[in-house]
Amino acid sequence: MDLLQIALVFLIVLLSIFLAITGFQVFLILRDLKKALDKLNRIIETGEEIAQDIERPVHAASTLVSTISEGAKALIKGEKKESKRDLPKPRRFYKRTL
């Protein structure tokens, strides 16, 4: 073999070793990325559960307040209507002439 063939074989072997090491490093990086994304996913799911746990009482409280306010409005309207019915009609003391 002449010197050029030996140099080419050496470079091919060297590049193959570097590519294998690089591929292994990429594999490790992707595995760590998957672990980090799994942790992030669990954190997000926990946050959603906490938000839902907070949302239920707040929704119940807002429903209660709106029900009470609607009841108060209906009660006030009911009192106004009853008060108009209870009052006698005012009489006219004069005749209207035109």
C-alpha atoms as a PDB file:
ATOM      1  CA  MET A   1       0.000   0.000   0.000  1.00  0.00           C
ATOM      2  CA  ASP A   2       1.226   3.409  -0.714  1.00  0.00           C
ATOM      3  CA  LEU A   3       1.089   6.357   1.651  1.00  0.00           C
ATOM      4  CA  LEU A   4      -2.119   7.874   0.194  1.00  0.00           C
ATOM      5  CA  GLN A   5      -4.157   4.711   0.761  1.00  0.00           C
ATOM      6  CA  ILE A   6      -2.897   4.390   4.337  1.00  0.00           C
ATOM      7  CA  ALA A   7      -3.786   8.038   5.029  1.00  0.00           C
ATOM      8  CA  LEU A   8      -7.278   7.567   3.547  1.00  0.00           C
ATOM      9  CA  VAL A   9      -7.919   4.391   5.588  1.00  0.00           C
ATOM     10  CA  PHE A  10      -6.654   6.158   8.726  1.00  0.00           C
ATOM     11  CA  LEU A  11      -8.949   9.142   8.065  1.00  0.00           C
ATOM     12  CA  ILE A  12     -11.938   6.882   7.385  1.00  0.00           C
ATOM     13  CA  VAL A  13     -11.349   4.973  10.644  1.00  0.00           C
ATOM     14  CA  LEU A  14     -10.850   8.215  12.548  1.00  0.00           C
ATOM     15  CA  LEU A  15     -14.031   9.773  11.101  1.00  0.00           C
ATOM     16  CA  SER A  16     -15.985   6.592  11.845  1.00  0.00           C
ATOM     17  CA  ILE A  17     -14.855   6.705  15.484  1.00  0.00           C
ATOM     18  CA  PHE A  18     -15.793  10.409  15.783  1.00  0.00           C
ATOM     19  CA  LEU A  19     -19.197   9.791  14.195  1.00  0.00           C
ATOM     20  CA  ALA A  20     -19.861   6.884  16.570  1.00  0.00           C
ATOM     21  CA  ILE A  21     -18.931   9.010  19.588  1.00  0.00           C
ATOM     22  CA  THR A  22     -21.055  11.899  18.296  1.00  0.00           C
ATOM     23  CA  GLY A  23     -24.024   9.572  17.727  1.00  0.00           C
ATOM     24  CA  PHE A  24     -23.682   8.203  21.255  1.00  0.00           C
ATOM     25  CA  GLN A  25     -23.561  11.745  22.671  1.00  0.00           C
ATOM     26  CA  VAL A  26     -26.665  12.712  20.673  1.00  0.00           C
ATOM     27  CA  PHE A  27     -28.417   9.634  22.081  1.00  0.00           C
ATOM     28  CA  LEU A  28     -27.536  10.687  25.652  1.00  0.00           C
ATOM     29  CA  ILE A  29     -28.671  14.271  25.003  1.00  0.00           C
ATOM     30  CA  LEU A  30     -32.006  13.103  23.589  1.00  0.00           C
ATOM     31  CA  ARG A  31     -32.513  10.773  26.565  1.00  0.00           C
ATOM     32  CA  ASP A  32     -31.881  13.644  29.006  1.00  0.00           C
ATOM     33  CA  LEU A  33     -34.214  15.860  26.987  1.00  0.00           C
ATOM     34  CA  LYS A  34     -36.936  13.215  27.236  1.00  0.00           C
ATOM     35  CA  LYS A  35     -36.492  13.037  31.017  1.00  0.00           C
ATOM     36  CA  ALA A  36     -36.680  16.836  31.293  1.00  0.00           C
ATOM     37  CA  LEU A  37     -39.805  16.968  29.126  1.00  0.00           C
ATOM     38  CA  ASP A  38     -41.432  14.235  31.234  1.00  0.00           C
ATOM     39  CA  LYS A  39     -40.733  16.254  34.391  1.00  0.00           C
ATOM     40  CA  LEU A  40     -42.101  19.399  32.741  1.00  0.00           C
ATOM     41  CA  ASN A  41     -45.210  17.489  31.684  1.00  0.00           C
ATOM     42  CA  ARG A  42     -45.767  16.289  35.259  1.00  0.00           C
ATOM     43  CA  ILE A  43     -45.352  19.846  36.546  1.00  0.00           C
ATOM     44  CA  ILE A  44     -47.867  21.162  34.020  1.00  0.00           C
ATOM     45  CA  GLU A  45     -50.357  18.405  34.905  1.00  0.00           C
ATOM     46  CA  THR A  46     -49.959  19.225  38.591  1.00  0.00           C
ATOM     47  CA  GLY A  47     -50.536  22.908  37.818  1.00  0.00           C
ATOM     48  CA  GLU A  48     -53.690  22.046  35.886  1.00  0.00           C
ATOM     49  CA  GLU A  49     -54.957  19.941  38.795  1.00  0.00           C
ATOM     50  CA  ILE A  50     -54.278  22.792  41.215  1.00  0.00           C
ATOM     51  CA  ALA A  51     -56.055  25.235  38.900  1.00  0.00           C
ATOM     52  CA  GLN A  52     -59.067  22.915  38.701  1.00  0.00           C
ATOM     53  CA  ASP A  53     -59.081  22.503  42.481  1.00  0.00           C
ATOM     54  CA  ILE A  54     -59.117  26.291  42.835  1.00  0.00           C
ATOM     55  CA  GLU A  55     -61.688  26.740  40.068  1.00  0.00           C
ATOM     56  CA  ARG A  56     -64.335  24.507  41.663  1.00  0.00           C
ATOM     57  CA  PRO A  57     -64.814  26.542  44.879  1.00  0.00           C
ATOM     58  CA  VAL A  58     -64.548  29.839  43.021  1.00  0.00           C
ATOM     59  CA  HIS A  59     -67.194  28.699  40.544  1.00  0.00           C
ATOM     60  CA  ALA A  60     -69.415  27.513  43.401  1.00  0.00           C
ATOM     61  CA  ALA A  61     -68.968  30.839  45.209  1.00  0.00           C
ATOM     62  CA  SER A  62     -69.751  32.858  42.081  1.00  0.00           C
ATOM     63  CA  THR A  63     -72.841  30.721  41.460  1.00  0.00           C
ATOM     64  CA  LEU A  64     -73.933  31.288  45.055  1.00  0.00           C
ATOM     65  CA  VAL A  65     -73.403  35.048  44.824  1.00  0.00           C
ATOM     66  CA  SER A  66     -75.232  35.318  41.503  1.00  0.00           C
ATOM     67  CA  THR A  67     -78.115  33.224  42.859  1.00  0.00           C
ATOM     68  CA  ILE A  68     -78.354  35.418  45.942  1.00  0.00           C
ATOM     69  CA  SER A  69     -78.241  38.602  43.857  1.00  0.00           C
ATOM     70  CA  GLU A  70     -80.916  37.286  41.475  1.00  0.00           C
ATOM     71  CA  GLY A  71     -83.053  36.324  44.464  1.00  0.00           C
ATOM     72  CA  ALA A  72     -82.583  39.769  45.989  1.00  0.00           C
ATOM     73  CA  LYS A  73     -83.539  41.424  42.694  1.00  0.00           C
ATOM     74  CA  ALA A  74     -86.626  39.239  42.420  1.00  0.00           C
ATOM     75  CA  LEU A  75     -87.524  40.005  46.031  1.00  0.00           C
ATOM     76  CA  ILE A  76     -87.158  43.743  45.479  1.00  0.00           C
ATOM     77  CA  LYS A  77     -89.257  43.592  42.295  1.00  0.00           C
ATOM     78  CA  GLY A  78     -91.846  41.518  44.127  1.00  0.00           C
ATOM     79  CA  GLU A  79     -92.057  44.065  46.959  1.00  0.00           C
ATOM     80  CA  LYS A  80     -92.479  46.917  44.495  1.00  0.00           C
ATOM     81  CA  LYS A  81     -95.293  45.141  42.701  1.00  0.00           C
ATOM     82  CA  GLU A  82     -97.057  44.275  45.934  1.00  0.00           C
ATOM     83  CA  SER A  83     -96.716  47.813  47.233  1.00  0.00           C
ATOM     84  CA  LYS A  84     -98.346  49.169  44.069  1.00  0.00           C
ATOM     85  CA  ARG A  85    -101.221  46.747  44.448  1.00  0.00           C
ATOM     86  CA  ASP A  86    -101.774  47.565  48.087  1.00  0.00           C
ATOM     87  CA  LEU A  87    -101.970  51.326  47.607  1.00  0.00           C
ATOM     88  CA  PRO A  88    -105.411  52.687  46.723  1.00  0.00           C
ATOM     89  CA  LYS A  89    -105.832  54.545  43.502  1.00  0.00           C
ATOM     90  CA  PRO A  90    -105.623  58.310  43.996  1.00  0.00           C
ATOM     91  CA  ARG A  91    -108.906  60.119  43.470  1.00  0.00           C
ATOM     92  CA  ARG A  92    -109.314  63.233  41.423  1.00  0.00           C
ATOM     93  CA  PHE A  93    -110.834  66.124  43.168  1.00  0.00           C
ATOM     94  CA  TYR A  94    -111.487  68.032  40.026  1.00  0.00           C
ATOM     95  CA  LYS A  95    -112.785  67.312  36.599  1.00  0.00           C
ATOM     96  CA  ARG A  96    -110.544  67.774  33.743  1.00  0.00           C
ATOM     97  CA  THR A  97    -111.976  70.060  31.107  1.00  0.00           C
ATOM     98  CA  LEU A  98    -110.661  70.937  27.754  1.00  0.00           C
END
